Amino acid sequence: MASDKVLEFNDINFADEVLASDKPVLVDFTASWCGPCRQLAPIIDQVAETLGEEAKVGKLDIDASPLTAGKYGIRGVPTVMVFKNGEKADQHIGLTTKSKLLELVRG
């Protein structure tokens, strides 16, 4: 079951939701056709539940939002980026663990 804490980011709301956020934001760059992305989805849900109000967690479909994906040079999915104060602070490419994602956000 998908978490209601996982937001949907896109080309239209990215600046407001991610770059203007006063909290860290974890963005899962994903695609519907990507197998490893589907494997990562429940982990992203768990991260959102664990972080609660500490940070925002959301997904961005690279096919639906090509401008944002292109701006950040997304070449492979899943790619997870953490933004702090409007800047990319960290990233991980490929399938990963909940503990690694929490480390990225809190690190």
PDB file of N, CA and C in Angstrom:
ATOM      1  N   MET A   1       0.828  -1.193   0.000  1.00  0.00           N
ATOM      2  CA  MET A   1       0.000   0.000   0.000  1.00  0.00           C
ATOM      3  C   MET A   1       0.874   1.259   0.000  1.00  0.00           C
ATOM      4  N   ALA A   2       0.595   2.161  -0.889  1.00  0.00           N
ATOM      5  CA  ALA A   2       1.384   3.390  -0.990  1.00  0.00           C
ATOM      6  C   ALA A   2       1.091   4.311   0.195  1.00  0.00           C
ATOM      7  N   SER A   3       2.126   4.982   0.634  1.00  0.00           N
ATOM      8  CA  SER A   3       1.978   5.906   1.754  1.00  0.00           C
ATOM      9  C   SER A   3       1.343   7.210   1.279  1.00  0.00           C
ATOM     10  N   ASP A   4       0.445   7.761   2.081  1.00  0.00           N
ATOM     11  CA  ASP A   4      -0.135   9.053   1.721  1.00  0.00           C
ATOM     12  C   ASP A   4       0.840  10.189   2.037  1.00  0.00           C
ATOM     13  N   LYS A   5       1.996   9.857   2.616  1.00  0.00           N
ATOM     14  CA  LYS A   5       3.015  10.861   2.898  1.00  0.00           C
ATOM     15  C   LYS A   5       3.932  11.100   1.699  1.00  0.00           C
ATOM     16  N   VAL A   6       3.858  10.221   0.683  1.00  0.00           N
ATOM     17  CA  VAL A   6       4.699  10.382  -0.503  1.00  0.00           C
ATOM     18  C   VAL A   6       3.998  11.317  -1.475  1.00  0.00           C
ATOM     19  N   LEU A   7       4.653  12.433  -1.758  1.00  0.00           N
ATOM     20  CA  LEU A   7       4.089  13.472  -2.620  1.00  0.00           C
ATOM     21  C   LEU A   7       4.376  13.173  -4.083  1.00  0.00           C
ATOM     22  N   GLU A   8       3.643  13.832  -4.960  1.00  0.00           N
ATOM     23  CA  GLU A   8       3.891  13.730  -6.400  1.00  0.00           C
ATOM     24  C   GLU A   8       4.498  15.049  -6.861  1.00  0.00           C
ATOM     25  N   PHE A   9       5.738  14.981  -7.350  1.00  0.00           N
ATOM     26  CA  PHE A   9       6.391  16.169  -7.885  1.00  0.00           C
ATOM     27  C   PHE A   9       6.330  16.111  -9.414  1.00  0.00           C
ATOM     28  N   ASN A  10       6.359  17.305 -10.045  1.00  0.00           N
ATOM     29  CA  ASN A  10       6.357  17.375 -11.508  1.00  0.00           C
ATOM     30  C   ASN A  10       7.010  18.679 -11.946  1.00  0.00           C
ATOM     31  N   ASP A  11       7.077  18.868 -13.268  1.00  0.00           N
ATOM     32  CA  ASP A  11       7.715  20.080 -13.804  1.00  0.00           C
ATOM     33  C   ASP A  11       7.051  21.351 -13.274  1.00  0.00           C
ATOM     34  N   ILE A  12       5.752  21.288 -13.000  1.00  0.00           N
ATOM     35  CA  ILE A  12       5.011  22.475 -12.593  1.00  0.00           C
ATOM     36  C   ILE A  12       5.233  22.826 -11.123  1.00  0.00           C
ATOM     37  N   ASN A  13       5.225  21.827 -10.237  1.00  0.00           N
ATOM     38  CA  ASN A  13       5.307  22.139  -8.802  1.00  0.00           C
ATOM     39  C   ASN A  13       6.697  21.963  -8.198  1.00  0.00           C
ATOM     40  N   PHE A  14       7.691  21.537  -8.985  1.00  0.00           N
ATOM     41  CA  PHE A  14       9.017  21.213  -8.437  1.00  0.00           C
ATOM     42  C   PHE A  14       9.656  22.389  -7.701  1.00  0.00           C
ATOM     43  N   ALA A  15       9.622  23.561  -8.304  1.00  0.00           N
ATOM     44  CA  ALA A  15      10.256  24.733  -7.675  1.00  0.00           C
ATOM     45  C   ALA A  15       9.602  25.048  -6.326  1.00  0.00           C
ATOM     46  N   ASP A  16       8.271  25.040  -6.284  1.00  0.00           N
ATOM     47  CA  ASP A  16       7.562  25.364  -5.036  1.00  0.00           C
ATOM     48  C   ASP A  16       7.707  24.273  -3.988  1.00  0.00           C
ATOM     49  N   GLU A  17       7.512  23.021  -4.391  1.00  0.00           N
ATOM     50  CA  GLU A  17       7.487  21.915  -3.434  1.00  0.00           C
ATOM     51  C   GLU A  17       8.885  21.496  -2.969  1.00  0.00           C
ATOM     52  N   VAL A  18       9.865  21.552  -3.870  1.00  0.00           N
ATOM     53  CA  VAL A  18      11.203  21.027  -3.563  1.00  0.00           C
ATOM     54  C   VAL A  18      12.194  22.155  -3.290  1.00  0.00           C
ATOM     55  N   LEU A  19      12.383  23.018  -4.266  1.00  0.00           N
ATOM     56  CA  LEU A  19      13.433  24.040  -4.142  1.00  0.00           C
ATOM     57  C   LEU A  19      13.108  25.086  -3.090  1.00  0.00           C
ATOM     58  N   ALA A  20      11.827  25.398  -2.886  1.00  0.00           N
ATOM     59  CA  ALA A  20      11.442  26.416  -1.901  1.00  0.00           C
ATOM     60  C   ALA A  20      11.150  25.822  -0.524  1.00  0.00           C
ATOM     61  N   SER A  21      11.334  24.525  -0.359  1.00  0.00           N
ATOM     62  CA  SER A  21      11.007  23.876   0.913  1.00  0.00           C
ATOM     63  C   SER A  21      11.971  24.287   2.015  1.00  0.00           C
ATOM     64  N   ASP A  22      11.435  24.473   3.229  1.00  0.00           N
ATOM     65  CA  ASP A  22      12.297  24.787   4.365  1.00  0.00           C
ATOM     66  C   ASP A  22      12.789  23.514   5.060  1.00  0.00           C
ATOM     67  N   LYS A  23      12.369  22.347   4.550  1.00  0.00           N
ATOM     68  CA  LYS A  23      12.817  21.052   5.080  1.00  0.00           C
ATOM     69  C   LYS A  23      13.604  20.341   3.986  1.00  0.00           C
ATOM     70  N   PRO A  24      14.434  19.361   4.370  1.00  0.00           N
ATOM     71  CA  PRO A  24      15.057  18.532   3.331  1.00  0.00           C
ATOM     72  C   PRO A  24      13.969  17.828   2.517  1.00  0.00           C
ATOM     73  N   VAL A  25      14.261  17.590   1.234  1.00  0.00           N
ATOM     74  CA  VAL A  25      13.311  16.910   0.361  1.00  0.00           C
ATOM     75  C   VAL A  25      14.022  15.764  -0.353  1.00  0.00           C
ATOM     76  N   LEU A  26      13.465  14.564  -0.210  1.00  0.00           N
ATOM     77  CA  LEU A  26      13.965  13.401  -0.931  1.00  0.00           C
ATOM     78  C   LEU A  26      13.090  13.218  -2.165  1.00  0.00           C
ATOM     79  N   VAL A  27      13.722  13.219  -3.337  1.00  0.00           N
ATOM     80  CA  VAL A  27      12.987  13.067  -4.595  1.00  0.00           C
ATOM     81  C   VAL A  27      13.401  11.761  -5.258  1.00  0.00           C
ATOM     82  N   ASP A  28      12.421  10.900  -5.486  1.00  0.00           N
ATOM     83  CA  ASP A  28      12.633   9.642  -6.193  1.00  0.00           C
ATOM     84  C   ASP A  28      12.291   9.872  -7.657  1.00  0.00           C
ATOM     85  N   PHE A  29      13.333   9.976  -8.508  1.00  0.00           N
ATOM     86  CA  PHE A  29      13.110  10.093  -9.948  1.00  0.00           C
ATOM     87  C   PHE A  29      12.830   8.684 -10.457  1.00  0.00           C
ATOM     88  N   THR A  30      11.646   8.483 -11.026  1.00  0.00           N
ATOM     89  CA  THR A  30      11.165   7.144 -11.326  1.00  0.00           C
ATOM     90  C   THR A  30      10.501   7.100 -12.691  1.00  0.00           C
ATOM     91  N   ALA A  31      10.120   5.897 -13.122  1.00  0.00           N
ATOM     92  CA  ALA A  31       9.383   5.725 -14.372  1.00  0.00           C
ATOM     93  C   ALA A  31       8.509   4.482 -14.249  1.00  0.00           C
ATOM     94  N   SER A  32       7.348   4.530 -14.880  1.00  0.00           N
ATOM     95  CA  SER A  32       6.388   3.429 -14.756  1.00  0.00           C
ATOM     96  C   SER A  32       6.926   2.122 -15.343  1.00  0.00           C
ATOM     97  N   TRP A  33       7.810   2.203 -16.333  1.00  0.00           N
ATOM     98  CA  TRP A  33       8.339   1.014 -17.010  1.00  0.00           C
ATOM     99  C   TRP A  33       9.560   0.419 -16.311  1.00  0.00           C
ATOM    100  N   CYS A  34      10.008   1.021 -15.234  1.00  0.00           N
ATOM    101  CA  CYS A  34      11.276   0.660 -14.578  1.00  0.00           C
ATOM    102  C   CYS A  34      11.043  -0.361 -13.459  1.00  0.00           C
ATOM    103  N   GLY A  35      11.552  -1.576 -13.641  1.00  0.00           N
ATOM    104  CA  GLY A  35      11.410  -2.638 -12.636  1.00  0.00           C
ATOM    105  C   GLY A  35      12.015  -2.290 -11.288  1.00  0.00           C
ATOM    106  N   PRO A  36      13.304  -1.868 -11.258  1.00  0.00           N
ATOM    107  CA  PRO A  36      13.908  -1.496  -9.969  1.00  0.00           C
ATOM    108  C   PRO A  36      13.169  -0.344  -9.275  1.00  0.00           C
ATOM    109  N   CYS A  37      12.528   0.539 -10.069  1.00  0.00           N
ATOM    110  CA  CYS A  37      11.743   1.632  -9.475  1.00  0.00           C
ATOM    111  C   CYS A  37      10.561   1.071  -8.692  1.00  0.00           C
ATOM    112  N   ARG A  38       9.928   0.043  -9.267  1.00  0.00           N
ATOM    113  CA  ARG A  38       8.803  -0.590  -8.578  1.00  0.00           C
ATOM    114  C   ARG A  38       9.263  -1.276  -7.297  1.00  0.00           C
ATOM    115  N   GLN A  39      10.482  -1.834  -7.313  1.00  0.00           N
ATOM    116  CA  GLN A  39      11.035  -2.461  -6.108  1.00  0.00           C
ATOM    117  C   GLN A  39      11.347  -1.405  -5.044  1.00  0.00           C
ATOM    118  N   LEU A  40      11.754  -0.223  -5.495  1.00  0.00           N
ATOM    119  CA  LEU A  40      12.120   0.846  -4.564  1.00  0.00           C
ATOM    120  C   LEU A  40      10.889   1.514  -3.947  1.00  0.00           C
ATOM    121  N   ALA A  41       9.757   1.478  -4.640  1.00  0.00           N
ATOM    122  CA  ALA A  41       8.552   2.195  -4.200  1.00  0.00           C
ATOM    123  C   ALA A  41       8.160   1.910  -2.747  1.00  0.00           C
ATOM    124  N   PRO A  42       8.084   0.637  -2.304  1.00  0.00           N
ATOM    125  CA  PRO A  42       7.709   0.411  -0.899  1.00  0.00           C
ATOM    126  C   PRO A  42       8.753   0.927   0.089  1.00  0.00           C
ATOM    127  N   ILE A  43      10.013   0.955  -0.341  1.00  0.00           N
ATOM    128  CA  ILE A  43      11.086   1.492   0.518  1.00  0.00           C
ATOM    129  C   ILE A  43      10.903   3.000   0.671  1.00  0.00           C
ATOM    130  N   ILE A  44      10.562   3.671  -0.428  1.00  0.00           N
ATOM    131  CA  ILE A  44      10.291   5.118  -0.385  1.00  0.00           C
ATOM    132  C   ILE A  44       9.120   5.392   0.560  1.00  0.00           C
ATOM    133  N   ASP A  45       8.083   4.550   0.480  1.00  0.00           N
ATOM    134  CA  ASP A  45       6.929   4.694   1.377  1.00  0.00           C
ATOM    135  C   ASP A  45       7.365   4.589   2.840  1.00  0.00           C
ATOM    136  N   GLN A  46       8.219   3.603   3.141  1.00  0.00           N
ATOM    137  CA  GLN A  46       8.699   3.414   4.519  1.00  0.00           C
ATOM    138  C   GLN A  46       9.523   4.610   4.987  1.00  0.00           C
ATOM    139  N   VAL A  47      10.354   5.137   4.097  1.00  0.00           N
ATOM    140  CA  VAL A  47      11.175   6.313   4.429  1.00  0.00           C
ATOM    141  C   VAL A  47      10.267   7.497   4.756  1.00  0.00           C
ATOM    142  N   ALA A  48       9.219   7.692   3.962  1.00  0.00           N
ATOM    143  CA  ALA A  48       8.279   8.799   4.197  1.00  0.00           C
ATOM    144  C   ALA A  48       7.610   8.641   5.557  1.00  0.00           C
ATOM    145  N   GLU A  49       7.203   7.423   5.881  1.00  0.00           N
ATOM    146  CA  GLU A  49       6.557   7.169   7.173  1.00  0.00           C
ATOM    147  C   GLU A  49       7.530   7.426   8.320  1.00  0.00           C
ATOM    148  N   THR A  50       8.777   6.980   8.166  1.00  0.00           N
ATOM    149  CA  THR A  50       9.783   7.142   9.217  1.00  0.00           C
ATOM    150  C   THR A  50      10.135   8.608   9.446  1.00  0.00           C
ATOM    151  N   LEU A  51      10.310   9.354   8.345  1.00  0.00           N
ATOM    152  CA  LEU A  51      10.712  10.757   8.469  1.00  0.00           C
ATOM    153  C   LEU A  51       9.582  11.651   8.966  1.00  0.00           C
ATOM    154  N   GLY A  52       8.348  11.317   8.628  1.00  0.00           N
ATOM    155  CA  GLY A  52       7.216  12.115   9.075  1.00  0.00           C
ATOM    156  C   GLY A  52       7.367  13.570   8.684  1.00  0.00           C
ATOM    157  N   GLU A  53       7.330  14.457   9.682  1.00  0.00           N
ATOM    158  CA  GLU A  53       7.416  15.903   9.431  1.00  0.00           C
ATOM    159  C   GLU A  53       8.858  16.404   9.289  1.00  0.00           C
ATOM    160  N   GLU A  54       9.815  15.503   9.496  1.00  0.00           N
ATOM    161  CA  GLU A  54      11.232  15.887   9.450  1.00  0.00           C
ATOM    162  C   GLU A  54      11.682  16.303   8.047  1.00  0.00           C
ATOM    163  N   ALA A  55      11.055  15.710   7.027  1.00  0.00           N
ATOM    164  CA  ALA A  55      11.441  15.983   5.641  1.00  0.00           C
ATOM    165  C   ALA A  55      10.265  15.657   4.722  1.00  0.00           C
ATOM    166  N   LYS A  56      10.337  16.187   3.495  1.00  0.00           N
ATOM    167  CA  LYS A  56       9.356  15.822   2.471  1.00  0.00           C
ATOM    168  C   LYS A  56       9.919  14.669   1.657  1.00  0.00           C
ATOM    169  N   VAL A  57       9.040  13.784   1.220  1.00  0.00           N
ATOM    170  CA  VAL A  57       9.432  12.669   0.361  1.00  0.00           C
ATOM    171  C   VAL A  57       8.451  12.624  -0.800  1.00  0.00           C
ATOM    172  N   GLY A  58       8.991  12.512  -2.015  1.00  0.00           N
ATOM    173  CA  GLY A  58       8.100  12.456  -3.164  1.00  0.00           C
ATOM    174  C   GLY A  58       8.734  11.787  -4.359  1.00  0.00           C
ATOM    175  N   LYS A  59       7.893  11.547  -5.351  1.00  0.00           N
ATOM    176  CA  LYS A  59       8.323  10.912  -6.595  1.00  0.00           C
ATOM    177  C   LYS A  59       8.128  11.880  -7.750  1.00  0.00           C
ATOM    178  N   LEU A  60       9.006  11.743  -8.745  1.00  0.00           N
ATOM    179  CA  LEU A  60       8.859  12.510  -9.974  1.00  0.00           C
ATOM    180  C   LEU A  60       8.997  11.536 -11.138  1.00  0.00           C
ATOM    181  N   ASP A  61       7.961  11.414 -11.944  1.00  0.00           N
ATOM    182  CA  ASP A  61       7.985  10.534 -13.117  1.00  0.00           C
ATOM    183  C   ASP A  61       8.760  11.242 -14.225  1.00  0.00           C
ATOM    184  N   ILE A  62       9.895  10.644 -14.632  1.00  0.00           N
ATOM    185  CA  ILE A  62      10.763  11.322 -15.607  1.00  0.00           C
ATOM    186  C   ILE A  62      10.106  11.460 -16.981  1.00  0.00           C
ATOM    187  N   ASP A  63       9.176  10.566 -17.313  1.00  0.00           N
ATOM    188  CA  ASP A  63       8.495  10.670 -18.603  1.00  0.00           C
ATOM    189  C   ASP A  63       7.447  11.778 -18.593  1.00  0.00           C
ATOM    190  N   ALA A  64       6.798  11.956 -17.449  1.00  0.00           N
ATOM    191  CA  ALA A  64       5.768  12.989 -17.324  1.00  0.00           C
ATOM    192  C   ALA A  64       6.379  14.366 -17.067  1.00  0.00           C
ATOM    193  N   SER A  65       7.608  14.403 -16.557  1.00  0.00           N
ATOM    194  CA  SER A  65       8.265  15.670 -16.217  1.00  0.00           C
ATOM    195  C   SER A  65       9.686  15.710 -16.775  1.00  0.00           C
ATOM    196  N   PRO A  66       9.813  15.724 -18.098  1.00  0.00           N
ATOM    197  CA  PRO A  66      11.143  15.653 -18.723  1.00  0.00           C
ATOM    198  C   PRO A  66      12.012  16.882 -18.486  1.00  0.00           C
ATOM    199  N   LEU A  67      11.404  18.033 -18.255  1.00  0.00           N
ATOM    200  CA  LEU A  67      12.211  19.249 -18.045  1.00  0.00           C
ATOM    201  C   LEU A  67      13.024  19.153 -16.762  1.00  0.00           C
ATOM    202  N   THR A  68      12.376  18.749 -15.674  1.00  0.00           N
ATOM    203  CA  THR A  68      13.069  18.633 -14.392  1.00  0.00           C
ATOM    204  C   THR A  68      14.093  17.502 -14.445  1.00  0.00           C
ATOM    205  N   ALA A  69      13.715  16.363 -15.021  1.00  0.00           N
ATOM    206  CA  ALA A  69      14.646  15.237 -15.134  1.00  0.00           C
ATOM    207  C   ALA A  69      15.877  15.649 -15.934  1.00  0.00           C
ATOM    208  N   GLY A  70      15.665  16.400 -17.016  1.00  0.00           N
ATOM    209  CA  GLY A  70      16.778  16.865 -17.841  1.00  0.00           C
ATOM    210  C   GLY A  70      17.660  17.866 -17.115  1.00  0.00           C
ATOM    211  N   LYS A  71      17.040  18.768 -16.372  1.00  0.00           N
ATOM    212  CA  LYS A  71      17.785  19.789 -15.636  1.00  0.00           C
ATOM    213  C   LYS A  71      18.772  19.167 -14.660  1.00  0.00           C
ATOM    214  N   TYR A  72      18.368  18.042 -14.045  1.00  0.00           N
ATOM    215  CA  TYR A  72      19.235  17.397 -13.061  1.00  0.00           C
ATOM    216  C   TYR A  72      20.010  16.216 -13.634  1.00  0.00           C
ATOM    217  N   GLY A  73      20.007  16.090 -14.968  1.00  0.00           N
ATOM    218  CA  GLY A  73      20.844  15.096 -15.642  1.00  0.00           C
ATOM    219  C   GLY A  73      20.504  13.660 -15.315  1.00  0.00           C
ATOM    220  N   ILE A  74      19.229  13.376 -15.141  1.00  0.00           N
ATOM    221  CA  ILE A  74      18.820  12.014 -14.816  1.00  0.00           C
ATOM    222  C   ILE A  74      19.017  11.136 -16.053  1.00  0.00           C
ATOM    223  N   ARG A  75      19.929  10.171 -15.957  1.00  0.00           N
ATOM    224  CA  ARG A  75      20.203   9.274 -17.072  1.00  0.00           C
ATOM    225  C   ARG A  75      19.724   7.855 -16.793  1.00  0.00           C
ATOM    226  N   GLY A  76      19.575   7.520 -15.527  1.00  0.00           N
ATOM    227  CA  GLY A  76      19.111   6.191 -15.151  1.00  0.00           C
ATOM    228  C   GLY A  76      18.151   6.300 -13.988  1.00  0.00           C
ATOM    229  N   VAL A  77      17.192   5.391 -13.948  1.00  0.00           N
ATOM    230  CA  VAL A  77      16.255   5.371 -12.834  1.00  0.00           C
ATOM    231  C   VAL A  77      16.284   3.983 -12.206  1.00  0.00           C
ATOM    232  N   PRO A  78      16.047   3.872 -10.921  1.00  0.00           N
ATOM    233  CA  PRO A  78      15.723   4.985 -10.025  1.00  0.00           C
ATOM    234  C   PRO A  78      16.960   5.795  -9.644  1.00  0.00           C
ATOM    235  N   THR A  79      16.774   7.105  -9.587  1.00  0.00           N
ATOM    236  CA  THR A  79      17.767   8.011  -9.016  1.00  0.00           C
ATOM    237  C   THR A  79      17.069   8.754  -7.892  1.00  0.00           C
ATOM    238  N   VAL A  80      17.680   8.754  -6.728  1.00  0.00           N
ATOM    239  CA  VAL A  80      17.125   9.471  -5.578  1.00  0.00           C
ATOM    240  C   VAL A  80      18.040  10.644  -5.284  1.00  0.00           C
ATOM    241  N   MET A  81      17.461  11.832  -5.198  1.00  0.00           N
ATOM    242  CA  MET A  81      18.227  13.034  -4.842  1.00  0.00           C
ATOM    243  C   MET A  81      17.641  13.650  -3.587  1.00  0.00           C
ATOM    244  N   VAL A  82      18.526  14.226  -2.789  1.00  0.00           N
ATOM    245  CA  VAL A  82      18.099  14.963  -1.608  1.00  0.00           C
ATOM    246  C   VAL A  82      18.433  16.431  -1.836  1.00  0.00           C
ATOM    247  N   PHE A  83      17.439  17.276  -1.640  1.00  0.00           N
ATOM    248  CA  PHE A  83      17.610  18.719  -1.787  1.00  0.00           C
ATOM    249  C   PHE A  83      17.509  19.367  -0.419  1.00  0.00           C
ATOM    250  N   LYS A  84      18.441  20.284  -0.151  1.00  0.00           N
ATOM    251  CA  LYS A  84      18.401  21.061   1.091  1.00  0.00           C
ATOM    252  C   LYS A  84      18.621  22.526   0.729  1.00  0.00           C
ATOM    253  N   ASN A  85      17.751  23.382   1.219  1.00  0.00           N
ATOM    254  CA  ASN A  85      17.846  24.824   0.945  1.00  0.00           C
ATOM    255  C   ASN A  85      17.900  25.126  -0.553  1.00  0.00           C
ATOM    256  N   GLY A  86      17.105  24.392  -1.326  1.00  0.00           N
ATOM    257  CA  GLY A  86      17.007  24.657  -2.754  1.00  0.00           C
ATOM    258  C   GLY A  86      18.138  24.110  -3.595  1.00  0.00           C
ATOM    259  N   GLU A  87      19.071  23.388  -2.978  1.00  0.00           N
ATOM    260  CA  GLU A  87      20.219  22.854  -3.705  1.00  0.00           C
ATOM    261  C   GLU A  87      20.269  21.342  -3.575  1.00  0.00           C
ATOM    262  N   LYS A  88      20.794  20.684  -4.615  1.00  0.00           N
ATOM    263  CA  LYS A  88      20.997  19.241  -4.530  1.00  0.00           C
ATOM    264  C   LYS A  88      22.102  18.977  -3.512  1.00  0.00           C
ATOM    265  N   ALA A  89      21.792  18.205  -2.481  1.00  0.00           N
ATOM    266  CA  ALA A  89      22.757  17.936  -1.420  1.00  0.00           C
ATOM    267  C   ALA A  89      23.408  16.567  -1.572  1.00  0.00           C
ATOM    268  N   ASP A  90      22.666  15.606  -2.123  1.00  0.00           N
ATOM    269  CA  ASP A  90      23.192  14.249  -2.236  1.00  0.00           C
ATOM    270  C   ASP A  90      22.354  13.476  -3.239  1.00  0.00           C
ATOM    271  N   GLN A  91      22.878  12.335  -3.701  1.00  0.00           N
ATOM    272  CA  GLN A  91      22.098  11.495  -4.598  1.00  0.00           C
ATOM    273  C   GLN A  91      22.571  10.056  -4.531  1.00  0.00           C
ATOM    274  N   HIS A  92      21.691   9.162  -4.936  1.00  0.00           N
ATOM    275  CA  HIS A  92      22.012   7.744  -5.062  1.00  0.00           C
ATOM    276  C   HIS A  92      21.326   7.236  -6.321  1.00  0.00           C
ATOM    277  N   ILE A  93      22.082   6.499  -7.139  1.00  0.00           N
ATOM    278  CA  ILE A  93      21.516   5.938  -8.367  1.00  0.00           C
ATOM    279  C   ILE A  93      21.366   4.437  -8.184  1.00  0.00           C
ATOM    280  N   GLY A  94      20.180   3.938  -8.497  1.00  0.00           N
ATOM    281  CA  GLY A  94      19.918   2.511  -8.405  1.00  0.00           C
ATOM    282  C   GLY A  94      19.137   2.144  -7.152  1.00  0.00           C
ATOM    283  N   LEU A  95      18.818   0.860  -7.059  1.00  0.00           N
ATOM    284  CA  LEU A  95      18.069   0.342  -5.923  1.00  0.00           C
ATOM    285  C   LEU A  95      18.913   0.475  -4.661  1.00  0.00           C
ATOM    286  N   THR A  96      18.292   0.805  -3.553  1.00  0.00           N
ATOM    287  CA  THR A  96      19.024   0.987  -2.300  1.00  0.00           C
ATOM    288  C   THR A  96      18.149   0.610  -1.122  1.00  0.00           C
ATOM    289  N   THR A  97      18.668   0.828   0.069  1.00  0.00           N
ATOM    290  CA  THR A  97      17.965   0.422   1.286  1.00  0.00           C
ATOM    291  C   THR A  97      17.346   1.625   1.996  1.00  0.00           C
ATOM    292  N   LYS A  98      16.419   1.313   2.882  1.00  0.00           N
ATOM    293  CA  LYS A  98      15.796   2.354   3.698  1.00  0.00           C
ATOM    294  C   LYS A  98      16.858   3.083   4.527  1.00  0.00           C
ATOM    295  N   SER A  99      17.771   2.335   5.137  1.00  0.00           N
ATOM    296  CA  SER A  99      18.775   2.970   5.999  1.00  0.00           C
ATOM    297  C   SER A  99      19.680   3.914   5.201  1.00  0.00           C
ATOM    298  N   LYS A 100      20.020   3.550   3.970  1.00  0.00           N
ATOM    299  CA  LYS A 100      20.859   4.408   3.123  1.00  0.00           C
ATOM    300  C   LYS A 100      20.117   5.698   2.772  1.00  0.00           C
ATOM    301  N   LEU A 101      18.814   5.582   2.472  1.00  0.00           N
ATOM    302  CA  LEU A 101      18.032   6.777   2.135  1.00  0.00           C
ATOM    303  C   LEU A 101      17.880   7.690   3.354  1.00  0.00           C
ATOM    304  N   LEU A 102      17.656   7.104   4.523  1.00  0.00           N
ATOM    305  CA  LEU A 102      17.553   7.924   5.742  1.00  0.00           C
ATOM    306  C   LEU A 102      18.871   8.637   6.014  1.00  0.00           C
ATOM    307  N   GLU A 103      19.963   7.950   5.760  1.00  0.00           N
ATOM    308  CA  GLU A 103      21.310   8.538   5.927  1.00  0.00           C
ATOM    309  C   GLU A 103      21.511   9.718   4.976  1.00  0.00           C
ATOM    310  N   LEU A 104      21.026   9.575   3.725  1.00  0.00           N
ATOM    311  CA  LEU A 104      21.144  10.666   2.751  1.00  0.00           C
ATOM    312  C   LEU A 104      20.414  11.913   3.225  1.00  0.00           C
ATOM    313  N   VAL A 105      19.190  11.714   3.761  1.00  0.00           N
ATOM    314  CA  VAL A 105      18.376  12.844   4.189  1.00  0.00           C
ATOM    315  C   VAL A 105      18.949  13.480   5.458  1.00  0.00           C
ATOM    316  N   ARG A 106      19.350  12.651   6.397  1.00  0.00           N
ATOM    317  CA  ARG A 106      19.777  13.155   7.703  1.00  0.00           C
ATOM    318  C   ARG A 106      21.257  13.541   7.728  1.00  0.00           C
ATOM    319  N   GLY A 107      22.024  13.034   6.761  1.00  0.00           N
ATOM    320  CA  GLY A 107      23.471  13.237   6.747  1.00  0.00           C
ATOM    321  C   GLY A 107      23.893  14.571   6.506  1.00  0.00           C
TER     322      GLY A 107
END
